[in-house]
Protein backbone atom coordinates (compact mmCIF):
# COMPACT_ATOMS: atom_id res chain seq x y z
CA UNK A 1 10.96 16.74 -13.54
CA UNK A 2 7.95 14.42 -13.25
CA UNK A 3 4.79 15.33 -11.38
CA UNK A 4 2.14 13.61 -9.51
CA UNK A 5 -0.99 14.89 -11.05
CA UNK A 6 -3.81 13.22 -9.06
CA UNK A 7 -4.64 10.35 -6.82
CA UNK A 8 -7.64 8.20 -6.13
CA UNK A 9 -8.85 5.38 -3.79
CA UNK A 10 -11.52 2.67 -3.85
CA UNK A 11 -12.93 1.08 -0.62
CA UNK A 12 -14.67 -2.28 -0.64
CA UNK A 13 -18.27 -2.36 0.52
CA UNK A 14 -18.13 -4.31 3.85
CA UNK A 15 -17.08 -2.27 6.91
CA UNK A 16 -15.78 -4.27 9.81
CA UNK A 17 -15.29 -2.54 13.16
CA UNK A 18 -12.42 -3.88 15.36
CA UNK A 19 -14.83 -4.26 18.24
CA UNK A 20 -16.73 -6.86 16.26
CA UNK A 21 -13.80 -8.38 14.74
CA UNK A 22 -12.23 -9.27 18.17
CA UNK A 23 -14.98 -11.57 19.51
CA UNK A 24 -15.43 -13.02 16.01
CA UNK A 25 -11.65 -14.15 15.98
CA UNK A 26 -11.91 -15.30 19.62
CA UNK A 27 -14.76 -17.58 18.52
CA UNK A 28 -12.47 -19.11 15.74
CA UNK A 29 -9.36 -19.60 17.86
CA UNK A 30 -10.52 -20.02 21.47
CA UNK A 31 -9.93 -23.74 21.33
CA UNK A 32 -6.56 -23.44 19.84
CA UNK A 33 -4.74 -20.89 22.03
CA UNK A 34 -5.00 -21.26 25.61
CA UNK A 35 -3.93 -17.71 26.21
CA UNK A 36 -6.43 -16.30 23.51
CA UNK A 37 -7.71 -13.46 25.81
CA UNK A 38 -4.08 -12.02 26.35
CA UNK A 39 -3.32 -12.53 22.58
CA UNK A 40 -6.50 -10.67 21.49
CA UNK A 41 -5.21 -7.61 23.43
CA UNK A 42 -3.46 -6.82 20.16
CA UNK A 43 -6.85 -5.86 18.66
CA UNK A 44 -6.76 -2.59 21.07
CA UNK A 45 -3.11 -2.02 20.58
CA UNK A 46 -3.30 -1.65 16.75
CA UNK A 47 -5.20 1.54 17.15
CA UNK A 48 -7.37 0.34 14.21
CA UNK A 49 -11.11 1.31 14.33
CA UNK A 50 -12.55 0.08 11.08
CA UNK A 51 -11.36 -2.01 8.04
CA UNK A 52 -12.88 -2.58 4.64
CA UNK A 53 -13.27 -5.99 2.90
CA UNK A 54 -14.62 -7.21 -0.29
CA UNK A 55 -16.51 -10.13 1.43
CA UNK A 56 -18.69 -9.94 4.62
CA UNK A 57 -17.62 -11.11 8.09
CA UNK A 58 -19.48 -14.42 8.02
CA UNK A 59 -17.55 -15.48 4.94
CA UNK A 60 -14.50 -16.17 7.42
CA UNK A 61 -16.28 -18.75 9.35
CA UNK A 62 -16.11 -21.34 6.58
CA UNK A 63 -13.18 -22.95 4.72
CA UNK A 64 -12.66 -21.90 1.19
CA UNK A 65 -10.48 -23.42 -1.70
CA UNK A 66 -7.66 -21.59 -3.13
CA UNK A 67 -9.48 -21.74 -6.50
CA UNK A 68 -12.56 -20.06 -4.83
CA UNK A 69 -10.53 -17.43 -3.11
CA UNK A 70 -8.47 -16.42 -6.12
CA UNK A 71 -11.53 -16.14 -8.36
CA UNK A 72 -12.93 -13.69 -5.74
CA UNK A 73 -9.55 -11.79 -6.04
CA UNK A 74 -9.74 -11.41 -9.75
CA UNK A 75 -13.35 -10.24 -9.73
CA UNK A 76 -13.12 -7.78 -6.88
CA UNK A 77 -9.52 -6.64 -7.55
CA UNK A 78 -10.58 -5.70 -11.02
CA UNK A 79 -13.60 -3.81 -9.96
CA UNK A 80 -11.79 -1.76 -7.26
CA UNK A 81 -8.84 -1.04 -9.61
CA UNK A 82 -11.18 0.55 -12.09
CA UNK A 83 -12.85 2.51 -9.37
CA UNK A 84 -9.54 3.91 -8.06
CA UNK A 85 -8.18 4.69 -11.52
CA UNK A 86 -11.27 6.48 -12.65
CA UNK A 87 -11.20 8.50 -9.43
CA UNK A 88 -7.70 9.59 -10.08
CA UNK A 89 -8.46 10.39 -13.76
CA UNK A 90 -11.44 12.67 -12.75
CA UNK A 91 -9.30 14.57 -10.22
CA UNK A 92 -6.79 15.17 -12.91
CA UNK A 93 -9.35 16.14 -15.69
CA UNK A 94 -8.14 13.31 -17.81
CA UNK A 95 -9.48 10.39 -19.68
CA UNK A 96 -8.38 6.96 -20.25
CA UNK A 97 -7.08 7.83 -23.64
CA UNK A 98 -4.55 10.42 -22.31
CA UNK A 99 -2.48 7.58 -20.63
CA UNK A 100 0.58 6.13 -22.16
CA UNK A 101 1.48 3.35 -19.45
CA UNK A 102 -0.27 1.55 -16.81
CA UNK A 103 1.49 -0.03 -13.84
CA UNK A 104 -0.48 -2.39 -11.71
CA UNK A 105 0.85 -3.61 -8.30
CA UNK A 106 -0.48 -6.43 -6.23
CA UNK A 107 0.73 -9.34 -4.09
CA UNK A 108 -2.61 -10.98 -2.78
CA UNK A 109 -3.77 -12.99 -5.70
CA UNK A 110 -2.70 -14.57 -8.91
CA UNK A 111 -3.86 -13.77 -12.37
CA UNK A 112 -2.66 -14.71 -16.04
CA UNK A 113 -3.66 -12.76 -18.03
CA UNK A 114 -2.40 -10.11 -15.71
CA UNK A 115 -4.45 -7.64 -13.71
CA UNK A 116 -3.67 -4.92 -16.02
CA UNK A 117 -5.07 -6.55 -19.00
CA UNK A 118 -8.30 -7.40 -17.13
CA UNK A 119 -8.61 -3.76 -15.99
CA UNK A 120 -8.02 -2.38 -19.50
CA UNK A 121 -10.54 -4.82 -20.91
CA UNK A 122 -13.05 -3.69 -18.46
CA UNK A 123 -12.31 -0.12 -19.37
CA UNK A 124 -12.38 -0.95 -23.25
CA UNK A 125 -8.97 0.94 -23.40
CA UNK A 126 -7.12 1.72 -26.59
CA UNK A 127 -4.99 -1.40 -27.69
CA UNK A 128 -1.53 0.21 -27.57
CA UNK A 129 -1.45 1.54 -24.10
CA UNK A 130 1.69 0.07 -22.51
CA UNK A 131 1.35 -1.97 -19.32
CA UNK A 132 3.54 -3.28 -16.71
CA UNK A 133 2.35 -5.72 -13.86
CA UNK A 134 4.50 -5.68 -10.77
CA UNK A 135 3.94 -8.74 -8.22
CA UNK A 136 5.29 -9.67 -4.94
CA UNK A 137 6.53 -6.54 -3.30
CA UNK A 138 4.03 -6.51 -0.53
CA UNK A 139 3.59 -3.46 1.57
CA UNK A 140 6.41 -1.71 -0.46
CA UNK A 141 4.63 -2.05 -3.83
CA UNK A 142 2.62 1.07 -3.89
CA UNK A 143 5.78 3.19 -3.53
CA UNK A 144 7.62 0.98 -5.80
CA UNK A 145 5.01 1.21 -8.47
CA UNK A 146 5.21 4.98 -7.99
CA UNK A 147 9.03 4.92 -8.47
CA UNK A 148 8.81 2.93 -11.55
CA UNK A 149 6.26 5.37 -12.98
CA UNK A 150 8.57 8.12 -12.18
CA UNK A 151 11.47 6.35 -13.96
CA UNK A 152 9.30 6.00 -17.04
CA UNK A 153 8.05 9.37 -17.29
CA UNK A 154 11.57 10.84 -16.48
CA UNK A 155 12.71 8.87 -19.74
CA UNK A 156 9.61 9.96 -21.70
CA UNK A 157 8.86 13.37 -20.44
CA UNK A 158 5.92 14.00 -22.81
CA UNK A 159 4.02 11.10 -21.56
CA UNK A 160 1.59 10.13 -18.69
CA UNK A 161 1.47 7.10 -16.62
CA UNK A 162 -0.85 5.68 -13.89
CA UNK A 163 -0.05 3.39 -11.03
CA UNK A 164 -2.74 1.06 -9.49
CA UNK A 165 -2.01 -0.74 -6.24
CA UNK A 166 -4.87 -3.20 -5.19
CA UNK A 167 -4.67 -5.74 -2.48
CA UNK A 168 -7.41 -8.14 -0.94
CA UNK A 169 -5.66 -9.32 2.10
CA UNK A 170 -8.74 -10.72 3.63
CA UNK A 171 -8.99 -13.33 0.89
CA UNK A 172 -5.81 -14.77 2.03
CA UNK A 173 -7.07 -15.72 5.56
CA UNK A 174 -6.48 -19.24 6.49
CA UNK A 175 -8.82 -20.66 9.22
CA UNK A 176 -6.46 -23.74 9.61
CA UNK A 177 -3.36 -21.78 10.00
CA UNK A 178 -2.69 -21.97 13.74
CA UNK A 179 0.53 -19.74 13.84
CA UNK A 180 0.56 -16.58 15.98
CA UNK A 181 1.48 -14.67 12.70
CA UNK A 182 -1.94 -15.44 11.26
CA UNK A 183 -3.57 -14.47 14.40
CA UNK A 184 -1.88 -11.00 14.27
CA UNK A 185 -2.70 -10.61 10.65
CA UNK A 186 -6.53 -11.02 11.53
CA UNK A 187 -6.20 -7.77 13.61
CA UNK A 188 -4.27 -5.83 11.14
CA UNK A 189 -4.68 -6.53 7.37
CA UNK A 190 -7.61 -5.35 5.12
CA UNK A 191 -8.52 -4.68 1.49
CA UNK A 192 -8.39 -1.61 -0.73
CA UNK A 193 -7.01 -0.03 -4.01
CA UNK A 194 -5.39 3.31 -4.72
CA UNK A 195 -4.27 4.97 -7.85
CA UNK A 196 -1.74 7.77 -8.91
CA UNK A 197 -1.41 9.65 -12.13
CA UNK A 198 2.27 10.68 -12.90
CA UNK A 199 3.20 13.07 -15.77
CA UNK A 200 6.50 14.11 -17.50
CA UNK A 201 7.42 17.72 -17.32
CA UNK A 202 6.52 17.95 -21.04
CA UNK A 203 3.16 16.37 -20.80
CA UNK A 204 0.30 18.75 -21.53
CA UNK A 205 -1.27 18.71 -18.32
CA UNK A 206 -1.53 20.81 -15.16
CA UNK A 207 1.47 20.32 -12.98
CA UNK A 208 1.39 18.94 -9.29
CA UNK A 209 3.62 17.74 -6.79
CA UNK A 210 7.00 17.32 -8.19
CA UNK A 211 8.84 13.97 -7.70
CA UNK A 212 12.59 14.92 -7.14
CA UNK A 213 14.17 11.57 -6.74
CA UNK A 214 13.65 7.81 -5.46
CA UNK A 215 15.69 5.25 -3.93
CA UNK A 216 15.29 1.50 -3.70
CA UNK A 217 17.15 -0.62 -0.99
CA UNK A 218 17.38 -4.39 -0.49
CA UNK A 219 18.97 -5.70 2.66
CA UNK A 220 20.81 -8.96 2.15
CA UNK A 221 19.97 -12.24 4.11
CA UNK A 222 16.49 -10.93 5.23
CA UNK A 223 14.39 -13.12 3.14
CA UNK A 224 12.41 -14.42 6.18
CA UNK A 225 11.42 -10.98 7.62
CA UNK A 226 8.28 -10.73 5.52
CA UNK A 227 6.33 -12.33 2.72
CA UNK A 228 4.21 -15.34 1.85
CA UNK A 229 4.59 -19.14 2.41
CA UNK A 230 2.49 -20.97 -0.06
CA UNK A 231 0.53 -24.34 0.28
CA UNK A 232 -2.25 -26.20 -1.60
CA UNK A 233 -4.69 -24.00 0.37
CA UNK A 234 -3.08 -20.62 -0.71
CA UNK A 235 -1.07 -17.91 1.06
CA UNK A 236 0.19 -17.97 4.62
CA UNK A 237 1.55 -14.73 6.00
CA UNK A 238 5.18 -14.31 7.16
CA UNK A 239 6.32 -11.15 9.22
CA UNK A 240 8.91 -10.85 11.96
CA UNK A 241 8.29 -9.32 15.24
CA UNK A 242 11.72 -7.77 14.66
CA UNK A 243 10.55 -5.27 12.02
CA UNK A 244 10.25 -2.35 14.45
CA UNK A 245 13.83 -3.01 15.64
CA UNK A 246 14.90 -3.24 12.18
CA UNK A 247 13.39 0.14 11.29
CA UNK A 248 15.18 1.77 14.20
CA UNK A 249 18.62 0.41 13.05
CA UNK A 250 18.84 -0.29 9.25
CA UNK A 251 15.80 1.60 7.83
CA UNK A 252 16.47 4.86 9.83
CA UNK A 253 20.00 4.78 8.75
CA UNK A 254 19.21 4.29 5.16
CA UNK A 255 16.64 7.24 5.15
CA UNK A 256 19.17 9.51 6.82
CA UNK A 257 21.79 8.67 4.19
CA UNK A 258 19.26 9.29 1.36
CA UNK A 259 18.13 12.60 2.90
CA UNK A 260 21.90 13.67 3.31
CA UNK A 261 22.64 12.77 -0.24
CA UNK A 262 19.63 14.91 -1.40
CA UNK A 263 20.81 17.79 0.78
CA UNK A 264 17.62 17.54 2.92
CA UNK A 265 18.15 18.16 6.63
CA UNK A 266 14.60 17.04 7.41
CA UNK A 267 11.59 16.69 5.31
CA UNK A 268 8.51 18.96 6.04
CA UNK A 269 6.19 15.98 5.68
CA UNK A 270 6.37 12.40 6.22
CA UNK A 271 4.09 10.26 3.84
CA UNK A 272 4.63 6.88 5.57
CA UNK A 273 3.24 3.47 5.00
CA UNK A 274 1.46 2.67 8.32
CA UNK A 275 2.45 -1.03 8.63
CA UNK A 276 1.24 -0.84 12.30
CA UNK A 277 1.44 1.13 15.39
CA UNK A 278 4.87 -0.25 16.53
CA UNK A 279 6.31 0.43 13.02
CA UNK A 280 5.19 4.03 13.02
CA UNK A 281 6.51 4.43 16.64
CA UNK A 282 9.84 2.99 15.43
CA UNK A 283 10.03 5.62 12.68
CA UNK A 284 9.18 8.42 15.14
CA UNK A 285 11.60 7.62 17.71
CA UNK A 286 14.65 6.81 15.23
CA UNK A 287 14.15 9.76 13.05
CA UNK A 288 12.93 12.03 15.81
CA UNK A 289 9.79 12.98 13.86
CA UNK A 290 7.87 15.72 15.65
CA UNK A 291 4.54 14.97 17.21
CA UNK A 292 1.70 15.33 14.62
CA UNK A 293 3.81 14.70 11.62
CA UNK A 294 2.64 11.18 11.38
CA UNK A 295 -1.03 12.10 11.86
CA UNK A 296 -2.23 11.15 8.27
CA UNK A 297 -0.37 7.78 8.32
CA UNK A 298 -2.14 7.13 11.72
CA UNK A 299 -5.59 8.35 10.26
CA UNK A 300 -5.40 5.94 7.36
CA UNK A 301 -4.35 3.03 9.69
CA UNK A 302 -7.10 3.91 12.15
CA UNK A 303 -9.88 4.06 9.40
CA UNK A 304 -8.65 1.33 7.05
CA UNK A 305 -6.00 -0.94 8.64
CA UNK A 306 -3.12 -2.12 6.70
CA UNK A 307 -4.00 -2.85 3.10
CA UNK A 308 -0.48 -3.69 2.14
CA UNK A 309 0.80 -1.99 -1.09
CA UNK A 310 -2.07 0.50 -1.50
CA UNK A 311 -1.97 1.82 2.10
CA UNK A 312 0.77 4.41 1.35
CA UNK A 313 -1.20 5.59 -1.69
CA UNK A 314 -4.10 6.27 0.76
CA UNK A 315 -1.65 8.47 2.84
CA UNK A 316 -0.47 10.20 -0.24
CA UNK A 317 -4.32 10.83 -1.44
CA UNK A 318 -4.89 12.44 1.98
CA UNK A 319 -1.71 14.91 1.24
CA UNK A 320 -2.82 15.49 -2.39
CA UNK A 321 -6.58 16.21 -1.79
CA UNK A 322 -5.91 18.34 1.23
CA UNK A 323 -3.09 20.25 -0.63
CA UNK A 324 -0.90 19.73 2.47
CA UNK A 325 2.49 20.15 0.67
CA UNK A 326 2.84 23.88 -0.15
CA UNK A 327 5.29 25.62 -2.58
CA UNK A 328 8.94 24.71 -1.64
CA UNK A 329 8.08 22.12 0.97
CA UNK A 330 9.48 18.53 0.77
CA UNK A 331 7.66 15.37 1.61
CA UNK A 332 9.14 11.94 1.96
CA UNK A 333 7.36 8.68 0.93
CA UNK A 334 8.51 5.65 2.65
CA UNK A 335 7.23 2.02 2.43
CA UNK A 336 8.90 -1.28 3.57
CA UNK A 337 8.26 -4.82 2.00
CA UNK A 338 9.55 -8.34 1.43
CA UNK A 339 13.13 -8.78 0.57
CA UNK A 340 13.56 -7.18 3.18
CA UNK A 341 13.27 -3.88 1.24
CA UNK A 342 12.54 -0.15 1.29
CA UNK A 343 11.22 2.38 -1.33
CA UNK A 344 11.67 5.95 -0.87
CA UNK A 345 10.63 9.02 -2.89
CA UNK A 346 11.10 12.81 -2.29
CA UNK A 347 8.42 15.19 -3.37
CA UNK A 348 8.35 18.93 -3.49
CA UNK A 349 5.50 21.39 -3.62
CA UNK A 350 5.49 23.49 -6.82
CA UNK A 351 7.01 26.78 -6.66
CA UNK A 352 4.77 29.70 -7.73
C-alpha cells in the first residue's frame, strides 16, 4: 500500500495583512460599487488574517499585461516549487536522484515547456525522471495530484513519486474586472506552493502515512460553478455563491457514500481544503464534524488564505509534521474544484 513519506511548503516573501488589504481594495473600487463599505465586510467574514504574495501590494495599483503577469508566474512558480520540493525531500532524507516521477499541478499561469521541465532544469535533475504536468483542476488540484501519484506508485510499488502544487493567484488579479466575483477574490486568494513525497510499499524508504484509497467525482452540468474565463488581459475568476449549498447536498452525500464503501463510519481526522469560511461551515454542518476537527484547515486559511490547489497540501503538512494521525487512525482528504469536481483520499496511521 502506498505511503506519504513527507511534505513541504514554500511561502512567497510579501505578507499582506487583511487589515491592510481592505482599505487598499476600497481605494481601488470605491468609485465602482456604491455599496462598497457593505461589500467590504466580507474581509472580516473570511476569518483570514494574513496572506502571502510573490509581488508587493503596490503592484496591484497598476494595470499589467497578461504577458508581464505570466512571465512573473513562470519565474516565481519555478522558484517556489523548487523550495517546496527541496523541503519535502529534506524531511524524507531523500535526494532528487531518488525520485522516479514528478507530478506538477497548477492553474494560475501558462508555460510550455511545462513547469515540471523548468523545475527539473533548475534542479539539474537526471534526464530520465518521468514527469506529468496537471493543469486546470483549480482548488482540487493538490488532492488530485496526490491521487495520481498514489495510482502511479500502486502500479510501480518499488518507485517514489513527488507532487508539487503551485499557485500564484495574485497574478491573476484584474483591476478592470468590475464583477463582484473579482471583488470577493481580492479578499480570499493568495500565493503558495506545497509538495508531497509518495512511495510504493516496496520502495527502500521509511514508511509514513498509508494511503488506503482514493475517489474522484465529477458532477454533470456544473461547468459554471467554478473556474476561469479568459480574455486578452488574462484570467477572470468564476465561482458560484451556491458552492456551500452544493457541499451540503451533493458533496456531503458523495463523502458519506465513499466512507460507507470503505467501511469507515467516520474518520478520526479531516484534512479538508479550506476554500473559505462558508465552505468549512457547510462541511461541518452536513457531515456533523465535531468542533475542533477542522482546526488545522481553519489555521491554514487564517494564516495563508485560499491558495487554490496547494492549500490542502498545507493542511496535510500540518498533520504530517505534527504527527497528528496516530497508529490505526484514519484521515480523510477532501478538496473541491472546477468541473464541478471532488477529490477524496483516505489515509491511515501506520500500525506498530
